[in-house]
Amino acid sequence: MTPEPHRPLGSSFSGRKLTVLGLLVTLLLSSWWLGPLHEDLSTGKSDGLLEAALHPGFSDQSRSLPDDATPFMERILGELGSTIRYAIIAMSMAVPTGILLGLAASTSWWPDRGRIRLILRPIYLFTRTFITLMRSIHELIWALLFVSAIGSEPITACVALTLPFGGTLAKVFSEIIDEQHKAAREQLVTSGARPMQAFFASILPQAVPDMTTYTLYRFECALRSSAVLGFIGIETIGLSIKRSFENNFYNELWTELYLLIIVIIAVDLLGSLLRYRLNTIPSRTKALSQSPDIDELKKKAPRWQLTRILGWATILLITLSWFPNLAGIQAEELTKAPIGKSRSERMETFGKRLTPAPVRESGDWADAIPWAQELWTTSGKAALLNTVAMATAAIILSGFAAWIMIPWASRALATAHPLGLFNGKFSWLKSTVWKSTGFLTRSLFIISRAIPEYIYAYLLIGILGISAWPLVIALALHNFGILGRLWGEVMENQPAARAQHVILHGGSRWQSYLASYMPESFNRFLMYLFYRWETCVREATILGMLGVASLGYEIQIARNFSRAYDEMFFFVLLGAAIVFVGDLVSLALRYKLRND
């Protein structure tokens, strides 16, 4: 039975069109709530910050360092190595966690009917709740909690990264699997295969390219997050960025930023090359005999070597990150002997301080209700609304900007011959212009997302002053690059037949994008938009620590000034609750659009 073709966006007042309209209305409401930009921009201007971008420093700007201090570049490269190491360790734990929980949170391997579905349903709901809890709390918050409970150790940073990254991988893996076309699975089941066999033979192989390239993207995110952990004292390049900024050593600052950007770009280029290899069949280079047997076919089958090389390199890097002494590399131990109290004693003390103060005094949990109500009324409600408004305005702004720019970054559309179709006489100038357009747009995406939101916010507050909008702009800039990459990958992984059909009948690149790529990819676009919105909520929470009224600001006050960990945890849970709500809305909306 031939599936019904996707309707283009403009064909009717469909669910897709209503969704876009709803996003525009939400953007206007969020902007109204946040209010205008800081009125006196001169109060936040940092002299010399932008000028220093053209003159990065390669030696320490401080003149008070001792003569035997580690040279600047040696110290920075060492911290960059630690940043990469912690990201690798965290991902080595997050990926297996994400795969296992992602399969448990997927329904594509379930049988179509039977009592077993009644057993699997509560497992599915529990897993979805658990992975939402894991990713609903920002890695910096996890790190603050672990540092307070266990102590400042490298393994603390790695576990803090693992929890939200494992939950995010599980969510995205499950949704990538569930979004795959079911036709091949249904044919296998009809032919007598068991549901699990059909799943591993049809659904999972379709999902592997997206899952693999997304994992590499998450490693890129782990690098940025590992750098940001330096802002709470972990020895990564973020610690040097923080010190350079606070001491107005802007030449040092730009050197550190440029190094981080170079690493991110290298990982991004590797991901693009891997994605191409996973979605392209290599040509045969070895000739077969007249009557080839099975062994000869296997030996001379066309293969890309990059996937094998990358696989072995990954295993080697993970091993060296966990056990650097195997190669004689001097690196900081992941765990250290506790100073003062033992870990168990510190965890016990911290656990008690997480209990609401009235409950600690009376032992009655009913006393926590008026305590929570007072926190909600005095500061919690306003901080939560500000956080949600900043995250919402940022993700919608970045989403519309990325949606407009994607066709000009697409390797399929931003070319003189879109989708490989001949459309007139070859022109060297035309070909060069289109290649340059695609390269520049993709470079804009890369550079935009290479710098963490926290760094963007630091710089923008220094230029624009303290208000909500520097944080919104910081989140929007970063997520513009991320959505550009993720949505671009979705487009490149889509079959091109329908888009080619539009162009062959006289349509333009933009029309093929609107009439084919966009409708076919809309659900996946929406999945990533909501996923990034959840991330924006967490990031907006953290950015509030820079002095803008949000959940992060309240968390900072509770932790740094009064050591009220119970109040700190209350505000953390408020942010987690919003992510839970967003996950439910995402599930409902994607289900509606899938059946629209």
Protein backbone atom coordinates (compact mmCIF):
# COMPACT_ATOMS: atom_id res chain seq x y z
CA MET A 1 0.00 0.00 0.00
CA THR A 2 1.50 3.34 -1.06
CA PRO A 3 1.90 5.74 1.89
CA GLU A 4 0.10 9.05 1.74
CA PRO A 5 2.53 11.80 0.71
CA HIS A 6 3.43 14.49 3.22
CA ARG A 7 1.48 17.70 2.89
CA PRO A 8 3.55 20.83 2.31
CA LEU A 9 3.46 23.53 4.94
CA GLY A 10 1.23 25.87 2.99
CA SER A 11 -1.33 23.33 1.74
CA SER A 12 -3.83 23.84 4.56
CA PHE A 13 -4.20 25.17 8.07
CA SER A 14 -2.59 21.96 9.32
CA GLY A 15 -1.05 21.00 12.63
CA ARG A 16 2.36 22.09 11.35
CA LYS A 17 1.09 25.55 10.48
CA LEU A 18 -0.63 25.91 13.85
CA THR A 19 2.61 24.87 15.53
CA VAL A 20 4.59 27.59 13.74
CA LEU A 21 1.93 30.17 14.62
CA GLY A 22 1.97 29.07 18.25
CA LEU A 23 5.75 29.52 18.38
CA LEU A 24 5.45 33.08 17.09
CA VAL A 25 2.81 33.97 19.69
CA THR A 26 4.92 32.41 22.44
CA LEU A 27 7.93 34.45 21.33
CA LEU A 28 5.94 37.68 21.58
CA LEU A 29 4.64 36.80 25.06
CA SER A 30 8.12 35.88 26.32
CA SER A 31 9.60 39.12 24.94
CA TRP A 32 6.87 41.16 26.62
CA TRP A 33 7.53 39.46 29.96
CA LEU A 34 11.30 40.05 29.82
CA GLY A 35 10.91 43.74 29.06
CA PRO A 36 13.36 46.02 27.23
CA LEU A 37 17.13 45.82 26.97
CA HIS A 38 19.24 47.54 29.63
CA GLU A 39 18.73 51.27 29.09
CA ASP A 40 22.27 52.48 29.88
CA LEU A 41 24.57 50.33 27.74
CA SER A 42 27.66 52.29 28.76
CA THR A 43 27.55 50.79 32.27
CA GLY A 44 28.48 47.35 30.98
CA LYS A 45 31.06 48.17 28.34
CA SER A 46 34.46 46.47 28.77
CA ASP A 47 37.22 48.52 27.17
CA GLY A 48 39.65 46.51 25.09
CA LEU A 49 37.60 43.29 25.00
CA LEU A 50 36.73 43.35 21.31
CA GLU A 51 40.03 44.88 20.23
CA ALA A 52 41.94 42.03 21.90
CA ALA A 53 40.25 39.52 19.58
CA LEU A 54 42.70 40.59 16.86
CA HIS A 55 45.70 40.28 19.16
CA PRO A 56 45.58 36.95 21.05
CA GLY A 57 48.35 36.50 23.58
CA PHE A 58 50.89 33.67 23.71
CA SER A 59 52.43 34.56 27.05
CA ASP A 60 51.12 35.51 30.48
CA GLN A 61 49.89 39.08 30.79
CA SER A 62 50.36 39.01 34.54
CA ARG A 63 53.66 40.48 35.70
CA SER A 64 53.40 39.08 39.24
CA LEU A 65 54.00 35.41 38.42
CA PRO A 66 57.12 33.73 39.83
CA ASP A 67 60.00 32.92 37.49
CA ASP A 68 59.43 29.15 37.78
CA ALA A 69 55.72 29.38 36.85
CA THR A 70 54.53 27.07 34.09
CA PRO A 71 54.65 28.90 30.73
CA PHE A 72 51.31 30.18 29.48
CA MET A 73 50.92 27.99 26.39
CA GLU A 74 52.09 24.86 28.22
CA ARG A 75 49.58 25.50 31.00
CA ILE A 76 46.71 26.23 28.61
CA LEU A 77 47.39 23.19 26.42
CA GLY A 78 47.49 21.03 29.55
CA GLU A 79 44.12 22.37 30.69
CA LEU A 80 42.75 21.83 27.18
CA GLY A 81 43.98 18.23 27.37
CA SER A 82 42.18 17.80 30.72
CA THR A 83 39.03 19.26 29.15
CA ILE A 84 39.16 16.68 26.36
CA ARG A 85 40.00 13.88 28.78
CA TYR A 86 37.05 14.53 31.08
CA ALA A 87 34.70 14.78 28.10
CA ILE A 88 35.90 11.40 26.76
CA ILE A 89 35.51 9.71 30.16
CA ALA A 90 32.03 11.14 30.60
CA MET A 91 30.92 10.04 27.13
CA SER A 92 32.37 6.56 27.65
CA MET A 93 29.89 6.20 30.52
CA ALA A 94 27.01 8.17 28.96
CA VAL A 95 26.80 6.30 25.62
CA PRO A 96 26.19 2.78 27.05
CA THR A 97 23.73 4.32 29.51
CA GLY A 98 21.96 6.15 26.70
CA ILE A 99 21.70 3.05 24.50
CA LEU A 100 20.23 0.85 27.23
CA LEU A 101 17.80 3.46 28.54
CA GLY A 102 16.97 4.58 24.97
CA LEU A 103 15.88 1.07 24.02
CA ALA A 104 13.82 0.82 27.21
CA ALA A 105 12.18 4.19 26.37
CA SER A 106 11.32 3.14 22.80
CA THR A 107 8.19 1.31 21.67
CA SER A 108 9.39 0.28 18.20
CA TRP A 109 10.50 -3.17 19.37
CA TRP A 110 7.21 -3.95 21.13
CA PRO A 111 4.87 -6.58 19.69
CA ASP A 112 1.79 -5.12 18.02
CA ARG A 113 -0.54 -6.81 20.48
CA GLY A 114 -0.54 -9.14 23.46
CA ARG A 115 -0.36 -9.03 27.24
CA ILE A 116 3.33 -8.26 27.19
CA ARG A 117 2.45 -4.69 26.21
CA LEU A 118 0.75 -4.30 29.61
CA ILE A 119 4.02 -5.31 31.28
CA LEU A 120 6.20 -3.09 29.07
CA ARG A 121 4.06 0.03 29.52
CA PRO A 122 5.02 0.76 33.18
CA ILE A 123 8.71 0.02 32.34
CA TYR A 124 8.46 2.53 29.50
CA LEU A 125 6.86 5.20 31.71
CA PHE A 126 9.38 4.67 34.52
CA THR A 127 12.30 4.88 32.08
CA ARG A 128 10.98 8.07 30.46
CA THR A 129 10.57 9.64 33.89
CA PHE A 130 14.03 8.55 34.99
CA ILE A 131 15.87 9.89 31.92
CA THR A 132 13.92 13.14 32.16
CA LEU A 133 15.09 13.52 35.76
CA MET A 134 18.69 12.79 34.69
CA ARG A 135 18.79 15.49 32.03
CA SER A 136 16.51 18.02 33.74
CA ILE A 137 19.34 19.16 36.03
CA HIS A 138 22.26 20.96 34.39
CA GLU A 139 25.69 19.35 34.61
CA LEU A 140 27.00 22.39 36.46
CA ILE A 141 24.29 21.94 39.10
CA TRP A 142 25.10 18.22 39.34
CA ALA A 143 28.75 19.22 39.77
CA LEU A 144 27.88 21.73 42.51
CA LEU A 145 25.91 19.05 44.33
CA PHE A 146 28.66 16.44 43.98
CA VAL A 147 31.42 18.87 44.98
CA SER A 148 29.45 19.77 48.11
CA ALA A 149 28.69 16.12 48.89
CA ILE A 150 31.93 14.38 47.85
CA GLY A 151 34.61 16.96 47.21
CA SER A 152 36.37 18.56 44.25
CA GLU A 153 37.77 15.63 42.26
CA PRO A 154 38.07 15.01 38.50
CA ILE A 155 35.74 12.01 38.73
CA THR A 156 33.14 14.40 40.16
CA ALA A 157 33.23 16.40 36.94
CA CYS A 158 32.98 13.24 34.83
CA VAL A 159 29.97 11.87 36.70
CA ALA A 160 28.32 15.31 36.65
CA LEU A 161 28.61 15.27 32.84
CA THR A 162 27.52 11.64 32.55
CA LEU A 163 24.14 12.00 34.23
CA PRO A 164 22.53 14.69 32.00
CA PHE A 165 24.34 13.47 28.89
CA GLY A 166 23.23 9.88 29.46
CA GLY A 167 19.64 11.05 29.92
CA THR A 168 19.79 13.24 26.80
CA LEU A 169 21.28 10.44 24.70
CA ALA A 170 18.58 8.06 25.94
CA LYS A 171 15.82 10.52 25.04
CA VAL A 172 17.16 11.32 21.58
CA PHE A 173 18.08 7.71 20.79
CA SER A 174 14.58 6.53 21.70
CA GLU A 175 12.94 9.22 19.59
CA ILE A 176 15.26 8.66 16.62
CA ILE A 177 14.33 4.98 16.76
CA ASP A 178 10.61 5.69 17.06
CA GLU A 179 10.69 8.16 14.14
CA GLN A 180 12.04 5.57 11.66
CA HIS A 181 9.78 4.31 8.87
CA LYS A 182 7.98 1.12 9.92
CA ALA A 183 7.31 -0.37 6.46
CA ALA A 184 10.29 -2.76 6.48
CA ARG A 185 9.48 -3.94 10.00
CA GLU A 186 5.86 -4.62 9.09
CA GLN A 187 6.92 -6.64 6.06
CA LEU A 188 9.28 -8.75 8.17
CA VAL A 189 6.61 -9.37 10.81
CA THR A 190 4.12 -10.29 8.11
CA SER A 191 6.69 -12.76 6.72
CA GLY A 192 6.92 -14.53 10.09
CA ALA A 193 9.72 -12.71 11.92
CA ARG A 194 9.34 -11.97 15.61
CA PRO A 195 8.92 -8.29 16.59
CA MET A 196 12.38 -8.19 18.20
CA GLN A 197 14.00 -9.78 15.15
CA ALA A 198 12.23 -7.34 12.86
CA PHE A 199 13.35 -4.44 15.04
CA PHE A 200 17.04 -5.37 14.94
CA ALA A 201 16.91 -6.17 11.23
CA SER A 202 15.03 -3.06 10.04
CA ILE A 203 14.40 -0.24 12.52
CA LEU A 204 17.74 -0.20 14.35
CA PRO A 205 19.95 -0.23 11.19
CA GLN A 206 17.99 2.75 9.87
CA ALA A 207 18.60 4.63 13.12
CA VAL A 208 22.33 3.84 13.48
CA PRO A 209 23.63 6.68 11.22
CA ASP A 210 21.63 9.32 13.09
CA MET A 211 22.55 7.80 16.47
CA THR A 212 26.25 7.67 15.60
CA THR A 213 26.53 11.22 14.31
CA TYR A 214 24.43 12.49 17.23
CA THR A 215 26.83 10.78 19.64
CA LEU A 216 29.73 12.64 18.06
CA TYR A 217 27.75 15.85 18.41
CA ARG A 218 27.17 15.10 22.10
CA PHE A 219 30.93 14.69 22.47
CA GLU A 220 31.26 18.18 21.03
CA CYS A 221 28.77 19.35 23.69
CA ALA A 222 30.72 17.46 26.37
CA LEU A 223 33.85 19.40 25.43
CA ARG A 224 32.03 22.69 25.96
CA SER A 225 30.44 21.52 29.21
CA SER A 226 33.78 20.22 30.47
CA ALA A 227 35.25 23.66 29.81
CA VAL A 228 32.42 25.39 31.71
CA LEU A 229 33.07 23.18 34.75
CA GLY A 230 36.21 25.25 35.18
CA PHE A 231 33.99 28.04 36.49
CA ILE A 232 33.43 26.05 39.69
CA GLY A 233 37.12 25.21 40.16
CA ILE A 234 37.64 22.03 38.10
CA GLU A 235 41.01 22.16 36.29
CA THR A 236 39.81 22.68 32.71
CA ILE A 237 40.37 25.47 30.21
CA GLY A 238 37.26 27.19 31.57
CA LEU A 239 39.13 27.96 34.78
CA SER A 240 41.74 29.93 32.82
CA ILE A 241 39.03 31.68 30.81
CA LYS A 242 37.38 32.74 34.06
CA ARG A 243 40.63 34.02 35.55
CA SER A 244 41.62 35.87 32.38
CA PHE A 245 38.24 37.58 32.17
CA GLU A 246 38.16 38.58 35.82
CA ASN A 247 41.68 40.05 35.60
CA ASN A 248 40.98 41.84 32.30
CA PHE A 249 43.64 39.77 30.52
CA TYR A 250 41.67 39.85 27.29
CA ASN A 251 44.56 38.77 25.02
CA GLU A 252 44.88 35.59 27.07
CA LEU A 253 41.10 35.18 27.00
CA TRP A 254 40.89 35.19 23.21
CA THR A 255 43.76 32.70 22.91
CA GLU A 256 41.89 30.31 25.19
CA LEU A 257 38.65 30.83 23.26
CA TYR A 258 40.36 30.28 19.92
CA LEU A 259 41.90 27.01 21.13
CA LEU A 260 38.51 25.79 22.30
CA ILE A 261 36.92 26.79 18.97
CA ILE A 262 39.62 24.95 17.00
CA VAL A 263 38.96 21.72 18.91
CA ILE A 264 35.19 22.06 18.41
CA ILE A 265 35.62 22.71 14.68
CA ALA A 266 37.89 19.66 14.35
CA VAL A 267 35.27 17.44 16.01
CA ASP A 268 32.55 18.96 13.82
CA LEU A 269 34.50 18.30 10.62
CA LEU A 270 35.07 14.72 11.73
CA GLY A 271 31.34 14.35 12.35
CA SER A 272 30.51 15.68 8.88
CA LEU A 273 32.94 13.26 7.26
CA LEU A 274 31.58 10.35 9.29
CA ARG A 275 27.99 11.26 8.42
CA TYR A 276 28.89 11.27 4.73
CA ARG A 277 30.53 7.85 5.03
CA LEU A 278 27.56 6.37 6.89
CA ASN A 279 25.09 7.60 4.27
CA THR A 280 27.13 6.83 1.15
CA ILE A 281 27.86 3.44 -0.39
CA PRO A 282 31.55 3.17 -1.36
CA SER A 283 32.42 2.12 -4.89
CA ARG A 284 34.00 -1.27 -5.49
CA THR A 285 37.74 -1.07 -6.15
CA LYS A 286 38.64 -4.79 -6.22
CA ALA A 287 37.63 -6.90 -9.20
CA LEU A 288 35.74 -10.15 -8.63
CA SER A 289 36.36 -13.44 -10.38
CA GLN A 290 33.87 -14.83 -12.85
CA SER A 291 32.25 -17.06 -10.20
CA PRO A 292 32.86 -15.37 -6.84
CA ASP A 293 32.17 -17.35 -3.68
CA ILE A 294 30.90 -16.00 -0.36
CA ASP A 295 34.37 -15.59 1.15
CA GLU A 296 35.59 -13.58 -1.83
CA LEU A 297 32.51 -11.35 -1.71
CA LYS A 298 33.17 -10.62 1.97
CA LYS A 299 36.87 -9.90 1.44
CA LYS A 300 36.37 -7.65 -1.57
CA ALA A 301 33.19 -5.91 -0.40
CA PRO A 302 33.49 -2.09 -0.66
CA ARG A 303 34.11 -0.51 2.72
CA TRP A 304 34.93 2.90 4.11
CA GLN A 305 38.08 2.72 6.23
CA LEU A 306 37.19 5.85 8.23
CA THR A 307 34.57 4.08 10.34
CA ARG A 308 37.06 1.37 11.32
CA ILE A 309 39.82 3.87 12.05
CA LEU A 310 37.47 6.02 14.11
CA GLY A 311 36.22 2.99 16.03
CA TRP A 312 39.72 1.84 17.01
CA ALA A 313 40.79 5.42 17.77
CA THR A 314 37.79 5.80 20.08
CA ILE A 315 38.71 2.65 22.00
CA LEU A 316 42.32 3.86 22.31
CA LEU A 317 41.33 7.35 23.51
CA ILE A 318 38.89 5.97 26.09
CA THR A 319 41.55 3.59 27.44
CA LEU A 320 44.19 6.33 27.67
CA SER A 321 41.72 8.75 29.28
CA TRP A 322 40.90 6.29 32.03
CA PHE A 323 44.44 4.89 32.39
CA PRO A 324 46.97 7.48 31.08
CA ASN A 325 49.83 5.74 32.91
CA LEU A 326 49.65 2.89 30.39
CA ALA A 327 51.29 5.22 27.86
CA GLY A 328 53.48 7.02 30.39
CA ILE A 329 51.31 10.16 30.32
CA GLN A 330 51.42 12.29 33.44
CA ALA A 331 47.83 13.23 34.34
CA GLU A 332 45.84 14.09 37.43
CA GLU A 333 44.35 11.15 39.30
CA LEU A 334 40.60 10.83 38.85
CA THR A 335 40.10 10.23 42.56
CA LYS A 336 41.93 11.72 45.51
CA ALA A 337 42.20 10.86 49.17
CA PRO A 338 39.62 12.90 51.13
CA ILE A 339 40.89 15.72 53.33
CA GLY A 340 39.20 16.01 56.72
CA LYS A 341 35.92 14.12 56.78
CA SER A 342 35.54 10.87 54.87
CA ARG A 343 33.33 10.76 51.77
CA SER A 344 30.59 8.88 53.61
CA GLU A 345 30.58 11.47 56.41
CA ARG A 346 30.46 14.35 53.93
CA MET A 347 27.61 12.73 52.01
CA GLU A 348 25.68 12.13 55.24
CA THR A 349 26.13 15.75 56.33
CA PHE A 350 25.16 17.05 52.91
CA GLY A 351 22.09 14.80 52.79
CA LYS A 352 20.90 16.21 56.11
CA ARG A 353 21.38 19.78 54.90
CA LEU A 354 19.24 19.02 51.83
CA THR A 355 16.33 18.37 54.19
CA PRO A 356 14.17 21.51 54.63
CA ALA A 357 15.19 23.47 57.72
CA PRO A 358 11.75 23.25 59.46
CA VAL A 359 11.77 19.47 58.98
CA ARG A 360 15.26 19.17 60.48
CA GLU A 361 14.03 21.00 63.58
CA SER A 362 10.65 19.30 64.06
CA GLY A 363 11.02 16.00 62.21
CA ASP A 364 7.58 16.53 60.66
CA TRP A 365 7.51 16.69 56.83
CA ALA A 366 4.23 18.60 56.99
CA ASP A 367 6.28 21.62 58.03
CA ALA A 368 7.94 21.59 54.59
CA ILE A 369 4.69 22.75 52.94
CA PRO A 370 4.55 26.30 54.38
CA TRP A 371 8.34 26.54 53.92
CA ALA A 372 8.02 25.70 50.19
CA GLN A 373 5.03 28.00 49.79
CA GLU A 374 6.98 30.91 51.25
CA LEU A 375 9.95 30.27 48.94
CA TRP A 376 7.61 30.02 45.95
CA THR A 377 5.81 33.26 46.81
CA THR A 378 8.83 35.39 47.71
CA SER A 379 11.20 34.47 44.89
CA GLY A 380 10.50 31.09 43.29
CA LYS A 381 7.59 32.09 41.06
CA ALA A 382 9.26 35.16 39.52
CA ALA A 383 12.59 33.34 39.09
CA LEU A 384 10.87 30.41 37.36
CA LEU A 385 8.90 32.62 34.98
CA ASN A 386 12.02 34.62 34.10
CA THR A 387 13.97 31.43 33.43
CA VAL A 388 11.26 29.97 31.20
CA ALA A 389 10.79 33.27 29.34
CA MET A 390 14.53 33.58 28.62
CA ALA A 391 14.80 29.97 27.45
CA THR A 392 11.66 30.19 25.31
CA ALA A 393 12.57 33.47 23.62
CA ALA A 394 16.09 32.22 22.90
CA ILE A 395 15.12 28.86 21.38
CA ILE A 396 12.37 30.31 19.18
CA LEU A 397 14.66 33.09 17.89
CA SER A 398 17.42 30.59 17.14
CA GLY A 399 14.93 28.14 15.62
CA PHE A 400 13.51 30.61 13.10
CA ALA A 401 16.99 31.88 12.22
CA ALA A 402 18.29 28.33 11.65
CA TRP A 403 15.14 27.39 9.69
CA ILE A 404 15.78 30.26 7.27
CA MET A 405 19.51 29.60 6.90
CA ILE A 406 19.52 25.80 6.49
CA PRO A 407 18.87 25.75 2.70
CA TRP A 408 21.92 27.97 2.17
CA ALA A 409 24.08 25.61 4.25
CA SER A 410 22.82 22.35 2.74
CA ARG A 411 25.34 20.49 0.61
CA ALA A 412 22.40 19.21 -1.42
CA LEU A 413 20.78 22.59 -2.12
CA ALA A 414 23.59 25.17 -1.81
CA THR A 415 25.24 24.09 -5.06
CA ALA A 416 25.10 25.09 -8.71
CA HIS A 417 23.31 21.80 -9.44
CA PRO A 418 20.87 21.23 -6.53
CA LEU A 419 20.35 17.60 -5.59
CA GLY A 420 22.76 16.61 -8.35
CA LEU A 421 20.32 17.70 -11.09
CA PHE A 422 21.55 19.54 -14.17
CA ASN A 423 19.73 22.86 -14.50
CA GLY A 424 21.46 24.71 -17.31
CA LYS A 425 24.88 25.51 -18.74
CA PHE A 426 27.79 25.09 -16.33
CA SER A 427 29.10 28.38 -14.97
CA TRP A 428 32.34 28.55 -13.01
CA LEU A 429 31.23 31.77 -11.33
CA LYS A 430 27.83 30.35 -10.36
CA SER A 431 29.43 27.21 -8.96
CA THR A 432 31.96 29.23 -6.94
CA VAL A 433 29.27 31.53 -5.52
CA TRP A 434 27.11 28.62 -4.37
CA LYS A 435 30.05 26.72 -2.86
CA SER A 436 31.15 29.86 -1.02
CA THR A 437 27.61 30.47 0.24
CA GLY A 438 27.35 26.96 1.64
CA PHE A 439 30.80 27.06 3.20
CA LEU A 440 30.26 30.43 4.86
CA THR A 441 26.84 29.46 6.23
CA ARG A 442 28.14 26.18 7.64
CA SER A 443 31.12 28.04 9.13
CA LEU A 444 28.70 30.46 10.76
CA PHE A 445 26.87 27.51 12.34
CA ILE A 446 30.15 26.03 13.62
CA ILE A 447 31.55 29.24 15.09
CA SER A 448 28.18 30.14 16.61
CA ARG A 449 27.97 26.94 18.62
CA ALA A 450 31.69 26.52 19.38
CA ILE A 451 31.62 28.96 22.30
CA PRO A 452 29.59 27.85 25.36
CA GLU A 453 26.59 29.93 26.37
CA TYR A 454 28.26 30.79 29.64
CA ILE A 455 31.18 32.42 27.81
CA TYR A 456 28.84 34.26 25.43
CA ALA A 457 26.87 35.58 28.40
CA TYR A 458 30.05 36.75 30.16
CA LEU A 459 31.10 38.74 27.11
CA LEU A 460 27.65 40.14 26.33
CA ILE A 461 27.00 41.27 29.89
CA GLY A 462 30.38 42.97 29.76
CA ILE A 463 29.28 44.83 26.61
CA LEU A 464 25.53 45.36 27.16
CA GLY A 465 25.22 45.43 30.93
CA ILE A 466 23.19 43.22 33.25
CA SER A 467 19.70 42.37 32.00
CA ALA A 468 17.86 39.32 30.70
CA TRP A 469 18.55 40.05 27.02
CA PRO A 470 22.32 39.38 27.02
CA LEU A 471 21.46 35.92 28.33
CA VAL A 472 18.75 35.46 25.69
CA ILE A 473 21.15 36.52 22.94
CA ALA A 474 23.85 34.22 24.32
CA LEU A 475 21.47 31.26 24.32
CA ALA A 476 20.13 32.15 20.86
CA LEU A 477 23.61 32.47 19.32
CA HIS A 478 24.73 29.12 20.66
CA ASN A 479 21.53 27.26 19.79
CA PHE A 480 21.41 28.80 16.30
CA GLY A 481 24.58 26.89 15.50
CA ILE A 482 23.39 23.71 17.19
CA LEU A 483 19.99 23.64 15.48
CA GLY A 484 21.68 24.45 12.18
CA ARG A 485 23.82 21.38 12.55
CA LEU A 486 21.15 19.02 13.87
CA TRP A 487 18.49 20.06 11.37
CA GLY A 488 21.07 20.00 8.57
CA GLU A 489 21.90 16.40 9.46
CA VAL A 490 18.21 15.48 9.43
CA MET A 491 17.86 16.97 5.94
CA GLU A 492 20.97 15.23 4.62
CA ASN A 493 19.71 11.89 5.93
CA GLN A 494 16.32 12.28 4.19
CA PRO A 495 15.68 10.59 0.81
CA ALA A 496 15.98 13.19 -1.97
CA ALA A 497 13.39 11.73 -4.36
CA ARG A 498 10.53 14.12 -3.52
CA ALA A 499 12.77 17.19 -3.49
CA GLN A 500 14.19 16.16 -6.87
CA HIS A 501 10.65 15.77 -8.15
CA VAL A 502 9.88 19.40 -7.21
CA ILE A 503 12.99 20.75 -8.96
CA LEU A 504 12.44 18.61 -12.07
CA HIS A 505 9.00 20.20 -12.40
CA GLY A 506 10.40 23.72 -12.34
CA GLY A 507 10.56 24.43 -8.63
CA SER A 508 13.35 26.38 -6.92
CA ARG A 509 15.65 25.26 -4.13
CA TRP A 510 13.48 27.10 -1.59
CA GLN A 511 10.31 25.50 -2.95
CA SER A 512 11.84 22.02 -2.77
CA TYR A 513 12.84 22.78 0.83
CA LEU A 514 9.34 23.96 1.80
CA ALA A 515 7.40 21.36 -0.16
CA SER A 516 9.55 18.30 0.51
CA TYR A 517 12.38 18.49 3.03
CA MET A 518 10.51 20.62 5.57
CA PRO A 519 7.30 18.52 5.81
CA GLU A 520 9.24 15.24 5.83
CA SER A 521 11.60 16.50 8.54
CA PHE A 522 9.15 18.61 10.56
CA ASN A 523 8.62 16.09 13.36
CA ARG A 524 12.36 15.57 13.76
CA PHE A 525 12.90 19.33 13.65
CA LEU A 526 10.32 19.72 16.41
CA MET A 527 11.94 16.95 18.46
CA TYR A 528 15.27 18.77 18.41
CA LEU A 529 13.61 22.14 19.07
CA PHE A 530 11.98 20.85 22.26
CA TYR A 531 15.16 19.05 23.27
CA ARG A 532 17.13 22.27 22.88
CA TRP A 533 14.40 24.17 24.75
CA GLU A 534 14.92 21.83 27.69
CA THR A 535 18.64 22.53 27.42
CA CYS A 536 17.93 26.28 27.29
CA VAL A 537 15.93 26.01 30.54
CA ARG A 538 18.92 24.38 32.22
CA GLU A 539 21.34 26.88 30.68
CA ALA A 540 19.15 29.87 31.60
CA THR A 541 19.18 28.54 35.16
CA ILE A 542 22.97 28.48 35.18
CA LEU A 543 23.37 31.84 33.45
CA GLY A 544 21.34 33.43 36.22
CA MET A 545 24.43 32.99 38.38
CA LEU A 546 25.88 35.94 36.46
CA GLY A 547 23.50 38.23 38.35
CA VAL A 548 20.25 38.12 36.37
CA ALA A 549 17.08 37.28 38.31
CA SER A 550 16.35 33.63 37.51
CA LEU A 551 16.52 30.26 39.22
CA GLY A 552 20.31 30.31 38.91
CA TYR A 553 20.50 33.60 40.78
CA GLU A 554 18.48 32.13 43.65
CA ILE A 555 20.61 28.96 43.61
CA GLN A 556 23.76 31.06 43.83
CA ILE A 557 22.45 33.08 46.75
CA ALA A 558 21.33 29.96 48.60
CA ARG A 559 24.69 28.20 48.09
CA ASN A 560 27.30 30.93 48.29
CA PHE A 561 25.87 33.31 50.87
CA SER A 562 23.76 31.30 53.30
CA ARG A 563 24.85 27.70 52.53
CA ALA A 564 21.15 26.85 52.55
CA TYR A 565 21.38 23.68 50.48
CA ASP A 566 17.73 22.89 51.15
CA GLU A 567 16.67 26.14 49.45
CA MET A 568 19.18 25.54 46.68
CA PHE A 569 17.69 22.10 46.03
CA PHE A 570 14.17 23.56 46.01
CA PHE A 571 15.09 25.89 43.13
CA VAL A 572 16.87 23.05 41.32
CA LEU A 573 13.69 20.97 41.51
CA LEU A 574 11.65 23.87 40.11
CA GLY A 575 13.84 23.85 37.01
CA ALA A 576 13.57 20.07 36.75
CA ALA A 577 9.78 20.29 36.90
CA ILE A 578 9.74 22.59 33.88
CA VAL A 579 11.80 20.10 31.87
CA PHE A 580 9.31 17.36 32.85
CA VAL A 581 6.44 19.49 31.55
CA GLY A 582 8.34 20.23 28.33
CA ASP A 583 8.95 16.53 27.77
CA LEU A 584 5.24 15.76 28.10
CA VAL A 585 4.31 18.58 25.69
CA SER A 586 6.93 17.34 23.22
CA LEU A 587 5.58 13.78 23.34
CA ALA A 588 1.97 14.91 22.87
CA LEU A 589 2.75 17.32 20.04
CA ARG A 590 4.93 14.88 18.12
CA TYR A 591 2.26 12.17 18.48
CA LYS A 592 -0.37 14.60 17.15
CA LEU A 593 1.78 15.63 14.19
CA ARG A 594 2.76 12.04 13.43
CA ASN A 595 -0.90 11.19 12.99
CA ASP A 596 -1.93 14.49 11.35
